[in-house]
All heavy atoms as atom14 arrays in JSON, in Angstrom:
{
  "sequence": "LRALSAVCTHLDCTVKYRPDLQKIHCACHNGMYDLNGQNLSGPPPRP",
  "atom14_mask": [
    [1, 1, 1, 1, 1, 1, 1, 1, 0, 0, 0, 0, 0, 0],
    [1, 1, 1, 1, 1, 1, 1, 1, 1, 1, 1, 0, 0, 0],
    [1, 1, 1, 1, 1, 0, 0, 0, 0, 0, 0, 0, 0, 0],
    [1, 1, 1, 1, 1, 1, 1, 1, 0, 0, 0, 0, 0, 0],
    [1, 1, 1, 1, 1, 1, 0, 0, 0, 0, 0, 0, 0, 0],
    [1, 1, 1, 1, 1, 0, 0, 0, 0, 0, 0, 0, 0, 0],
    [1, 1, 1, 1, 1, 1, 1, 0, 0, 0, 0, 0, 0, 0],
    [1, 1, 1, 1, 1, 1, 0, 0, 0, 0, 0, 0, 0, 0],
    [1, 1, 1, 1, 1, 1, 1, 0, 0, 0, 0, 0, 0, 0],
    [1, 1, 1, 1, 1, 1, 1, 1, 1, 1, 0, 0, 0, 0],
    [1, 1, 1, 1, 1, 1, 1, 1, 0, 0, 0, 0, 0, 0],
    [1, 1, 1, 1, 1, 1, 1, 1, 0, 0, 0, 0, 0, 0],
    [1, 1, 1, 1, 1, 1, 0, 0, 0, 0, 0, 0, 0, 0],
    [1, 1, 1, 1, 1, 1, 1, 0, 0, 0, 0, 0, 0, 0],
    [1, 1, 1, 1, 1, 1, 1, 0, 0, 0, 0, 0, 0, 0],
    [1, 1, 1, 1, 1, 1, 1, 1, 1, 0, 0, 0, 0, 0],
    [1, 1, 1, 1, 1, 1, 1, 1, 1, 1, 1, 1, 0, 0],
    [1, 1, 1, 1, 1, 1, 1, 1, 1, 1, 1, 0, 0, 0],
    [1, 1, 1, 1, 1, 1, 1, 0, 0, 0, 0, 0, 0, 0],
    [1, 1, 1, 1, 1, 1, 1, 1, 0, 0, 0, 0, 0, 0],
    [1, 1, 1, 1, 1, 1, 1, 1, 0, 0, 0, 0, 0, 0],
    [1, 1, 1, 1, 1, 1, 1, 1, 1, 0, 0, 0, 0, 0],
    [1, 1, 1, 1, 1, 1, 1, 1, 1, 0, 0, 0, 0, 0],
    [1, 1, 1, 1, 1, 1, 1, 1, 0, 0, 0, 0, 0, 0],
    [1, 1, 1, 1, 1, 1, 1, 1, 1, 1, 0, 0, 0, 0],
    [1, 1, 1, 1, 1, 1, 0, 0, 0, 0, 0, 0, 0, 0],
    [1, 1, 1, 1, 1, 0, 0, 0, 0, 0, 0, 0, 0, 0],
    [1, 1, 1, 1, 1, 1, 0, 0, 0, 0, 0, 0, 0, 0],
    [1, 1, 1, 1, 1, 1, 1, 1, 1, 1, 0, 0, 0, 0],
    [1, 1, 1, 1, 1, 1, 1, 1, 0, 0, 0, 0, 0, 0],
    [1, 1, 1, 1, 0, 0, 0, 0, 0, 0, 0, 0, 0, 0],
    [1, 1, 1, 1, 1, 1, 1, 1, 0, 0, 0, 0, 0, 0],
    [1, 1, 1, 1, 1, 1, 1, 1, 1, 1, 1, 1, 0, 0],
    [1, 1, 1, 1, 1, 1, 1, 1, 0, 0, 0, 0, 0, 0],
    [1, 1, 1, 1, 1, 1, 1, 1, 0, 0, 0, 0, 0, 0],
    [1, 1, 1, 1, 1, 1, 1, 1, 0, 0, 0, 0, 0, 0],
    [1, 1, 1, 1, 0, 0, 0, 0, 0, 0, 0, 0, 0, 0],
    [1, 1, 1, 1, 1, 1, 1, 1, 1, 0, 0, 0, 0, 0],
    [1, 1, 1, 1, 1, 1, 1, 1, 0, 0, 0, 0, 0, 0],
    [1, 1, 1, 1, 1, 1, 1, 1, 0, 0, 0, 0, 0, 0],
    [1, 1, 1, 1, 1, 1, 0, 0, 0, 0, 0, 0, 0, 0],
    [1, 1, 1, 1, 0, 0, 0, 0, 0, 0, 0, 0, 0, 0],
    [1, 1, 1, 1, 1, 1, 1, 0, 0, 0, 0, 0, 0, 0],
    [1, 1, 1, 1, 1, 1, 1, 0, 0, 0, 0, 0, 0, 0],
    [1, 1, 1, 1, 1, 1, 1, 0, 0, 0, 0, 0, 0, 0],
    [1, 1, 1, 1, 1, 1, 1, 1, 1, 1, 1, 0, 0, 0],
    [1, 1, 1, 1, 1, 1, 1, 0, 0, 0, 0, 0, 0, 0]
  ],
  "atom14_positions": [
    [[126.65, -153.83, -233.98], [126.4, -152.53, -234.56], [126.5, -152.51, -236.12], [127.35, -153.25, -236.66], [127.39, -151.52, -234.08], [127.31, -151.13, -232.58], [128.49, -150.26, -232.16], [126.0, -150.49, -232.23], [0.0, 0.0, 0.0], [0.0, 0.0, 0.0], [0.0, 0.0, 0.0], [0.0, 0.0, 0.0], [0.0, 0.0, 0.0], [0.0, 0.0, 0.0]],
    [[125.55, -151.86, -236.74], [125.54, -151.72, -238.2], [125.21, -150.39, -238.58], [124.46, -149.68, -237.85], [124.5, -152.6, -238.8], [124.73, -154.11, -238.61], [123.38, -154.83, -238.38], [123.6, -156.1, -237.72], [123.55, -157.33, -238.29], [123.18, -157.39, -239.59], [123.7, -158.36, -237.62], [0.0, 0.0, 0.0], [0.0, 0.0, 0.0], [0.0, 0.0, 0.0]],
    [[125.78, -149.79, -239.64], [125.51, -148.53, -240.1], [125.25, -148.52, -241.58], [126.04, -149.21, -242.34], [126.65, -147.55, -239.82], [0.0, 0.0, 0.0], [0.0, 0.0, 0.0], [0.0, 0.0, 0.0], [0.0, 0.0, 0.0], [0.0, 0.0, 0.0], [0.0, 0.0, 0.0], [0.0, 0.0, 0.0], [0.0, 0.0, 0.0], [0.0, 0.0, 0.0]],
    [[124.26, -147.83, -242.02], [123.94, -147.84, -243.42], [123.45, -146.38, -243.88], [123.03, -145.61, -242.97], [122.72, -148.77, -243.71], [122.97, -150.27, -243.36], [122.1, -150.57, -242.16], [122.78, -151.19, -244.43], [0.0, 0.0, 0.0], [0.0, 0.0, 0.0], [0.0, 0.0, 0.0], [0.0, 0.0, 0.0], [0.0, 0.0, 0.0], [0.0, 0.0, 0.0]],
    [[123.36, -146.2, -245.09], [122.67, -144.96, -245.58], [121.25, -145.07, -245.16], [120.55, -146.13, -245.22], [122.84, -144.83, -247.06], [121.87, -143.9, -247.56], [0.0, 0.0, 0.0], [0.0, 0.0, 0.0], [0.0, 0.0, 0.0], [0.0, 0.0, 0.0], [0.0, 0.0, 0.0], [0.0, 0.0, 0.0], [0.0, 0.0, 0.0], [0.0, 0.0, 0.0]],
    [[120.65, -143.9, -244.72], [119.22, -143.9, -244.3], [118.36, -143.35, -245.47], [117.27, -142.93, -245.25], [118.99, -143.04, -243.11], [0.0, 0.0, 0.0], [0.0, 0.0, 0.0], [0.0, 0.0, 0.0], [0.0, 0.0, 0.0], [0.0, 0.0, 0.0], [0.0, 0.0, 0.0], [0.0, 0.0, 0.0], [0.0, 0.0, 0.0], [0.0, 0.0, 0.0]],
    [[118.98, -143.33, -246.7], [118.22, -142.84, -247.87], [117.75, -143.96, -248.71], [118.53, -144.79, -249.25], [119.16, -141.85, -248.69], [118.43, -141.38, -249.97], [119.7, -140.78, -247.9], [0.0, 0.0, 0.0], [0.0, 0.0, 0.0], [0.0, 0.0, 0.0], [0.0, 0.0, 0.0], [0.0, 0.0, 0.0], [0.0, 0.0, 0.0], [0.0, 0.0, 0.0]],
    [[116.39, -144.15, -248.68], [115.76, -145.23, -249.52], [116.14, -145.1, -250.94], [116.27, -144.07, -251.55], [114.24, -145.16, -249.34], [113.44, -146.5, -250.3], [0.0, 0.0, 0.0], [0.0, 0.0, 0.0], [0.0, 0.0, 0.0], [0.0, 0.0, 0.0], [0.0, 0.0, 0.0], [0.0, 0.0, 0.0], [0.0, 0.0, 0.0], [0.0, 0.0, 0.0]],
    [[116.49, -146.24, -251.54], [117.01, -146.37, -252.91], [115.82, -146.18, -253.92], [116.11, -146.1, -255.1], [117.72, -147.6, -253.18], [116.83, -148.71, -253.04], [118.93, -147.75, -252.29], [0.0, 0.0, 0.0], [0.0, 0.0, 0.0], [0.0, 0.0, 0.0], [0.0, 0.0, 0.0], [0.0, 0.0, 0.0], [0.0, 0.0, 0.0], [0.0, 0.0, 0.0]],
    [[114.66, -146.02, -253.44], [113.52, -145.86, -254.4], [113.36, -144.33, -254.75], [113.67, -143.96, -255.86], [112.22, -146.34, -253.83], [111.0, -146.23, -254.6], [109.83, -145.74, -254.1], [110.75, -146.41, -255.95], [108.86, -145.61, -255.03], [109.43, -146.02, -256.21], [0.0, 0.0, 0.0], [0.0, 0.0, 0.0], [0.0, 0.0, 0.0], [0.0, 0.0, 0.0]],
    [[112.94, -143.49, -253.74], [112.74, -142.13, -254.0], [113.38, -141.19, -252.98], [112.97, -140.09, -252.76], [111.22, -141.8, -254.03], [110.45, -142.41, -255.29], [108.98, -142.0, -255.14], [111.07, -141.81, -256.56], [0.0, 0.0, 0.0], [0.0, 0.0, 0.0], [0.0, 0.0, 0.0], [0.0, 0.0, 0.0], [0.0, 0.0, 0.0], [0.0, 0.0, 0.0]],
    [[114.43, -141.67, -252.35], [115.24, -140.86, -251.37], [114.52, -140.48, -250.09], [114.93, -139.53, -249.42], [115.91, -139.67, -252.05], [116.81, -139.98, -253.18], [117.36, -141.09, -253.18], [117.1, -139.06, -254.02], [0.0, 0.0, 0.0], [0.0, 0.0, 0.0], [0.0, 0.0, 0.0], [0.0, 0.0, 0.0], [0.0, 0.0, 0.0], [0.0, 0.0, 0.0]],
    [[113.49, -141.21, -249.72], [112.89, -140.94, -248.45], [113.84, -141.48, -247.32], [114.72, -142.29, -247.6], [111.58, -141.66, -248.25], [110.28, -141.09, -249.45], [0.0, 0.0, 0.0], [0.0, 0.0, 0.0], [0.0, 0.0, 0.0], [0.0, 0.0, 0.0], [0.0, 0.0, 0.0], [0.0, 0.0, 0.0], [0.0, 0.0, 0.0], [0.0, 0.0, 0.0]],
    [[113.61, -140.95, -246.1], [114.45, -141.41, -244.95], [113.95, -142.65, -244.38], [112.72, -142.77, -244.0], [114.59, -140.31, -243.92], [115.3, -139.21, -244.57], [115.53, -140.69, -242.82], [0.0, 0.0, 0.0], [0.0, 0.0, 0.0], [0.0, 0.0, 0.0], [0.0, 0.0, 0.0], [0.0, 0.0, 0.0], [0.0, 0.0, 0.0], [0.0, 0.0, 0.0]],
    [[114.7, -143.72, -244.31], [114.31, -145.02, -243.58], [114.36, -145.0, -242.21], [115.09, -144.08, -241.58], [115.02, -146.17, -244.23], [114.8, -146.28, -245.75], [116.48, -146.09, -243.92], [0.0, 0.0, 0.0], [0.0, 0.0, 0.0], [0.0, 0.0, 0.0], [0.0, 0.0, 0.0], [0.0, 0.0, 0.0], [0.0, 0.0, 0.0], [0.0, 0.0, 0.0]],
    [[113.61, -145.82, -241.49], [113.67, -145.9, -240.06], [113.86, -147.44, -239.68], [113.38, -148.31, -240.37], [112.38, -145.4, -239.35], [111.96, -144.02, -239.79], [112.78, -143.01, -239.02], [112.28, -141.63, -239.31], [113.17, -140.59, -239.08], [0.0, 0.0, 0.0], [0.0, 0.0, 0.0], [0.0, 0.0, 0.0], [0.0, 0.0, 0.0], [0.0, 0.0, 0.0]],
    [[114.38, -147.64, -238.47], [114.47, -148.94, -237.95], [113.24, -149.37, -237.25], [112.59, -148.55, -236.52], [115.65, -149.05, -236.94], [115.78, -150.52, -236.3], [116.16, -151.57, -237.12], [115.52, -150.66, -235.05], [116.22, -152.83, -236.61], [115.68, -151.94, -234.44], [115.93, -153.01, -235.24], [116.06, -154.24, -234.72], [0.0, 0.0, 0.0], [0.0, 0.0, 0.0]],
    [[112.63, -150.51, -237.54], [111.41, -151.07, -236.89], [111.82, -152.13, -236.03], [112.04, -153.26, -236.28], [110.41, -151.56, -237.96], [109.8, -150.58, -238.9], [108.55, -150.02, -238.41], [107.62, -151.01, -237.97], [106.58, -151.44, -238.55], [106.39, -151.02, -239.87], [105.74, -152.33, -238.05], [0.0, 0.0, 0.0], [0.0, 0.0, 0.0], [0.0, 0.0, 0.0]],
    [[111.9, -151.79, -234.64], [112.24, -152.81, -233.56], [111.24, -154.01, -233.55], [111.69, -155.11, -233.3], [112.4, -152.1, -232.33], [111.77, -150.72, -232.53], [111.69, -150.46, -234.02], [0.0, 0.0, 0.0], [0.0, 0.0, 0.0], [0.0, 0.0, 0.0], [0.0, 0.0, 0.0], [0.0, 0.0, 0.0], [0.0, 0.0, 0.0], [0.0, 0.0, 0.0]],
    [[110.01, -153.74, -233.79], [109.03, -154.81, -233.78], [109.36, -155.9, -234.92], [109.0, -157.0, -234.6], [107.65, -154.27, -233.86], [107.4, -153.38, -235.16], [108.29, -152.75, -235.53], [106.26, -153.39, -235.65], [0.0, 0.0, 0.0], [0.0, 0.0, 0.0], [0.0, 0.0, 0.0], [0.0, 0.0, 0.0], [0.0, 0.0, 0.0], [0.0, 0.0, 0.0]],
    [[109.83, -155.39, -236.02], [110.09, -156.3, -237.14], [111.63, -156.67, -237.23], [111.97, -157.6, -237.95], [109.69, -155.73, -238.41], [108.22, -155.32, -238.56], [107.99, -154.61, -239.84], [107.32, -156.61, -238.49], [0.0, 0.0, 0.0], [0.0, 0.0, 0.0], [0.0, 0.0, 0.0], [0.0, 0.0, 0.0], [0.0, 0.0, 0.0], [0.0, 0.0, 0.0]],
    [[112.42, -155.94, -236.57], [113.94, -156.03, -236.63], [114.36, -155.86, -238.11], [115.16, -156.61, -238.61], [114.47, -157.31, -235.92], [114.16, -157.34, -234.49], [114.76, -158.57, -233.85], [115.5, -159.36, -234.35], [114.43, -158.81, -232.54], [0.0, 0.0, 0.0], [0.0, 0.0, 0.0], [0.0, 0.0, 0.0], [0.0, 0.0, 0.0], [0.0, 0.0, 0.0]],
    [[113.77, -154.88, -238.74], [114.01, -154.58, -240.11], [114.06, -153.09, -240.31], [113.59, -152.33, -239.47], [112.99, -155.2, -241.04], [113.03, -156.73, -240.98], [112.26, -157.4, -242.13], [112.2, -158.85, -242.12], [112.92, -159.59, -241.2], [0.0, 0.0, 0.0], [0.0, 0.0, 0.0], [0.0, 0.0, 0.0], [0.0, 0.0, 0.0], [0.0, 0.0, 0.0]],
    [[114.59, -152.62, -241.44], [114.59, -151.21, -241.83], [113.42, -150.95, -242.77], [113.25, -151.73, -243.71], [115.93, -150.86, -242.5], [117.08, -151.14, -241.49], [115.97, -149.39, -242.84], [118.41, -151.17, -242.11], [0.0, 0.0, 0.0], [0.0, 0.0, 0.0], [0.0, 0.0, 0.0], [0.0, 0.0, 0.0], [0.0, 0.0, 0.0], [0.0, 0.0, 0.0]],
    [[112.66, -149.92, -242.47], [111.43, -149.66, -243.23], [111.46, -148.28, -243.81], [111.82, -147.37, -243.15], [110.24, -149.83, -242.22], [108.9, -149.6, -242.75], [108.13, -148.54, -242.39], [108.23, -150.29, -243.78], [106.99, -148.61, -243.11], [107.01, -149.56, -243.89], [0.0, 0.0, 0.0], [0.0, 0.0, 0.0], [0.0, 0.0, 0.0], [0.0, 0.0, 0.0]],
    [[110.85, -148.21, -245.01], [110.63, -146.91, -245.64], [109.05, -146.72, -245.72], [108.4, -147.49, -246.42], [111.17, -146.81, -247.04], [110.92, -145.19, -247.79], [0.0, 0.0, 0.0], [0.0, 0.0, 0.0], [0.0, 0.0, 0.0], [0.0, 0.0, 0.0], [0.0, 0.0, 0.0], [0.0, 0.0, 0.0], [0.0, 0.0, 0.0], [0.0, 0.0, 0.0]],
    [[108.62, -145.75, -244.97], [107.17, -145.52, -244.9], [106.61, -144.96, -246.18], [105.36, -144.96, -246.39], [106.83, -144.69, -243.72], [0.0, 0.0, 0.0], [0.0, 0.0, 0.0], [0.0, 0.0, 0.0], [0.0, 0.0, 0.0], [0.0, 0.0, 0.0], [0.0, 0.0, 0.0], [0.0, 0.0, 0.0], [0.0, 0.0, 0.0], [0.0, 0.0, 0.0]],
    [[107.46, -144.28, -246.98], [106.94, -143.65, -248.25], [106.1, -144.66, -249.15], [105.0, -144.24, -249.56], [108.11, -143.01, -249.05], [108.72, -141.56, -248.15], [0.0, 0.0, 0.0], [0.0, 0.0, 0.0], [0.0, 0.0, 0.0], [0.0, 0.0, 0.0], [0.0, 0.0, 0.0], [0.0, 0.0, 0.0], [0.0, 0.0, 0.0], [0.0, 0.0, 0.0]],
    [[106.71, -145.7, -249.37], [106.03, -146.72, -250.2], [106.15, -148.15, -249.7], [106.19, -149.14, -250.58], [106.52, -146.68, -251.71], [106.35, -145.37, -252.32], [107.28, -144.4, -252.47], [105.26, -144.85, -252.85], [106.8, -143.26, -252.98], [105.6, -143.57, -253.26], [0.0, 0.0, 0.0], [0.0, 0.0, 0.0], [0.0, 0.0, 0.0], [0.0, 0.0, 0.0]],
    [[106.25, -148.3, -248.41], [106.26, -149.59, -247.69], [107.5, -150.5, -248.09], [107.34, -151.7, -248.22], [105.02, -150.31, -247.79], [104.68, -151.21, -246.69], [105.19, -150.84, -245.54], [103.96, -152.23, -246.87], [0.0, 0.0, 0.0], [0.0, 0.0, 0.0], [0.0, 0.0, 0.0], [0.0, 0.0, 0.0], [0.0, 0.0, 0.0], [0.0, 0.0, 0.0]],
    [[108.65, -149.91, -248.41], [109.83, -150.61, -248.64], [110.4, -151.23, -247.44], [110.37, -150.64, -246.35], [0.0, 0.0, 0.0], [0.0, 0.0, 0.0], [0.0, 0.0, 0.0], [0.0, 0.0, 0.0], [0.0, 0.0, 0.0], [0.0, 0.0, 0.0], [0.0, 0.0, 0.0], [0.0, 0.0, 0.0], [0.0, 0.0, 0.0], [0.0, 0.0, 0.0]],
    [[111.05, -152.35, -247.48], [111.62, -153.06, -246.45], [113.09, -153.64, -246.8], [113.19, -154.16, -247.82], [110.74, -154.32, -245.99], [110.96, -154.74, -244.62], [110.43, -153.63, -243.24], [108.67, -153.76, -243.47], [0.0, 0.0, 0.0], [0.0, 0.0, 0.0], [0.0, 0.0, 0.0], [0.0, 0.0, 0.0], [0.0, 0.0, 0.0], [0.0, 0.0, 0.0]],
    [[113.93, -153.38, -245.77], [115.28, -153.83, -245.9], [115.65, -154.68, -244.7], [115.16, -154.49, -243.59], [116.29, -152.68, -245.95], [116.06, -151.68, -247.07], [115.25, -150.66, -246.92], [116.78, -151.87, -248.32], [115.02, -149.68, -247.96], [116.63, -150.87, -249.27], [115.71, -149.81, -249.07], [115.57, -148.9, -250.12], [0.0, 0.0, 0.0], [0.0, 0.0, 0.0]],
    [[116.65, -155.63, -244.87], [117.11, -156.33, -243.72], [118.18, -155.55, -243.04], [118.54, -154.48, -243.5], [117.61, -157.77, -244.13], [118.86, -157.87, -244.98], [119.5, -156.83, -245.06], [119.09, -158.93, -245.55], [0.0, 0.0, 0.0], [0.0, 0.0, 0.0], [0.0, 0.0, 0.0], [0.0, 0.0, 0.0], [0.0, 0.0, 0.0], [0.0, 0.0, 0.0]],
    [[118.85, -156.07, -242.07], [119.78, -155.3, -241.29], [121.15, -155.16, -242.01], [122.05, -154.39, -241.52], [120.03, -155.95, -239.86], [118.79, -155.9, -238.99], [119.13, -156.46, -237.58], [118.24, -154.49, -238.84], [0.0, 0.0, 0.0], [0.0, 0.0, 0.0], [0.0, 0.0, 0.0], [0.0, 0.0, 0.0], [0.0, 0.0, 0.0], [0.0, 0.0, 0.0]],
    [[121.35, -155.88, -243.07], [122.48, -155.72, -243.9], [122.16, -154.72, -245.15], [123.02, -154.47, -245.96], [122.95, -157.01, -244.49], [123.46, -157.96, -243.38], [124.27, -157.49, -242.5], [123.01, -159.13, -243.41], [0.0, 0.0, 0.0], [0.0, 0.0, 0.0], [0.0, 0.0, 0.0], [0.0, 0.0, 0.0], [0.0, 0.0, 0.0], [0.0, 0.0, 0.0]],
    [[120.99, -154.19, -245.14], [120.56, -153.2, -246.12], [120.04, -153.82, -247.38], [119.7, -153.11, -248.38], [0.0, 0.0, 0.0], [0.0, 0.0, 0.0], [0.0, 0.0, 0.0], [0.0, 0.0, 0.0], [0.0, 0.0, 0.0], [0.0, 0.0, 0.0], [0.0, 0.0, 0.0], [0.0, 0.0, 0.0], [0.0, 0.0, 0.0], [0.0, 0.0, 0.0]],
    [[119.94, -155.11, -247.51], [119.35, -155.85, -248.6], [117.88, -155.54, -248.7], [117.17, -155.67, -247.81], [119.56, -157.31, -248.62], [121.11, -157.68, -248.6], [121.7, -157.22, -249.9], [121.2, -157.46, -251.0], [122.8, -156.63, -249.81], [0.0, 0.0, 0.0], [0.0, 0.0, 0.0], [0.0, 0.0, 0.0], [0.0, 0.0, 0.0], [0.0, 0.0, 0.0]],
    [[117.33, -155.13, -249.89], [115.99, -154.84, -250.14], [115.22, -156.14, -250.07], [115.56, -157.16, -250.72], [115.67, -154.11, -251.31], [116.6, -154.37, -252.53], [117.76, -154.78, -252.38], [115.91, -154.34, -253.69], [0.0, 0.0, 0.0], [0.0, 0.0, 0.0], [0.0, 0.0, 0.0], [0.0, 0.0, 0.0], [0.0, 0.0, 0.0], [0.0, 0.0, 0.0]],
    [[114.14, -156.23, -249.27], [113.25, -157.4, -249.1], [111.91, -157.27, -249.81], [111.54, -158.3, -250.3], [113.06, -157.62, -247.6], [114.33, -157.85, -246.69], [113.9, -157.95, -245.25], [115.03, -159.18, -247.15], [0.0, 0.0, 0.0], [0.0, 0.0, 0.0], [0.0, 0.0, 0.0], [0.0, 0.0, 0.0], [0.0, 0.0, 0.0], [0.0, 0.0, 0.0]],
    [[111.38, -156.13, -249.79], [109.94, -156.02, -250.35], [109.77, -154.54, -250.71], [110.49, -153.63, -250.31], [108.93, -156.53, -249.44], [108.91, -155.79, -248.21], [0.0, 0.0, 0.0], [0.0, 0.0, 0.0], [0.0, 0.0, 0.0], [0.0, 0.0, 0.0], [0.0, 0.0, 0.0], [0.0, 0.0, 0.0], [0.0, 0.0, 0.0], [0.0, 0.0, 0.0]],
    [[108.72, -154.27, -251.45], [108.36, -152.97, -251.91], [109.15, -152.54, -253.16], [109.76, -153.31, -253.72], [0.0, 0.0, 0.0], [0.0, 0.0, 0.0], [0.0, 0.0, 0.0], [0.0, 0.0, 0.0], [0.0, 0.0, 0.0], [0.0, 0.0, 0.0], [0.0, 0.0, 0.0], [0.0, 0.0, 0.0], [0.0, 0.0, 0.0], [0.0, 0.0, 0.0]],
    [[109.13, -151.21, -253.42], [109.71, -150.85, -254.7], [111.18, -150.53, -254.69], [111.79, -150.26, -255.68], [108.89, -149.49, -254.99], [108.55, -148.97, -253.61], [108.24, -150.18, -252.82], [0.0, 0.0, 0.0], [0.0, 0.0, 0.0], [0.0, 0.0, 0.0], [0.0, 0.0, 0.0], [0.0, 0.0, 0.0], [0.0, 0.0, 0.0], [0.0, 0.0, 0.0]],
    [[111.92, -150.59, -253.56], [113.4, -150.16, -253.56], [114.1, -151.08, -254.54], [114.07, -152.33, -254.5], [113.89, -150.41, -252.19], [112.66, -150.17, -251.35], [111.49, -150.78, -252.15], [0.0, 0.0, 0.0], [0.0, 0.0, 0.0], [0.0, 0.0, 0.0], [0.0, 0.0, 0.0], [0.0, 0.0, 0.0], [0.0, 0.0, 0.0], [0.0, 0.0, 0.0]],
    [[114.79, -150.49, -255.54], [115.48, -151.24, -256.52], [116.91, -151.75, -256.22], [117.4, -152.73, -256.77], [115.62, -150.33, -257.68], [115.73, -148.97, -257.12], [114.87, -149.1, -255.9], [0.0, 0.0, 0.0], [0.0, 0.0, 0.0], [0.0, 0.0, 0.0], [0.0, 0.0, 0.0], [0.0, 0.0, 0.0], [0.0, 0.0, 0.0], [0.0, 0.0, 0.0]],
    [[117.44, -151.3, -255.15], [118.86, -151.55, -254.71], [118.98, -151.59, -253.28], [118.16, -151.0, -252.53], [119.79, -150.5, -255.26], [120.01, -150.39, -256.74], [120.96, -149.3, -257.13], [120.64, -148.0, -256.49], [119.69, -147.12, -256.84], [118.8, -147.54, -257.78], [119.56, -145.98, -256.25], [0.0, 0.0, 0.0], [0.0, 0.0, 0.0], [0.0, 0.0, 0.0]],
    [[119.98, -152.28, -252.71], [120.25, -152.34, -251.28], [120.73, -150.85, -250.84], [121.06, -150.09, -251.59], [121.41, -153.33, -251.1], [121.44, -154.02, -252.38], [120.87, -153.14, -253.43], [0.0, 0.0, 0.0], [0.0, 0.0, 0.0], [0.0, 0.0, 0.0], [0.0, 0.0, 0.0], [0.0, 0.0, 0.0], [0.0, 0.0, 0.0], [0.0, 0.0, 0.0]]
  ]
}
């Protein structure tokens, strides 16, 4: 189990879990985070 803020660090959109990718995704600007909340791609500036 992991729990994180669901507020994207880019523009405060709500992120969702993508089971197909096993990653956390922000649909607003295609930001992607790993399961530890580390930003992987897109515009999010912080985990």
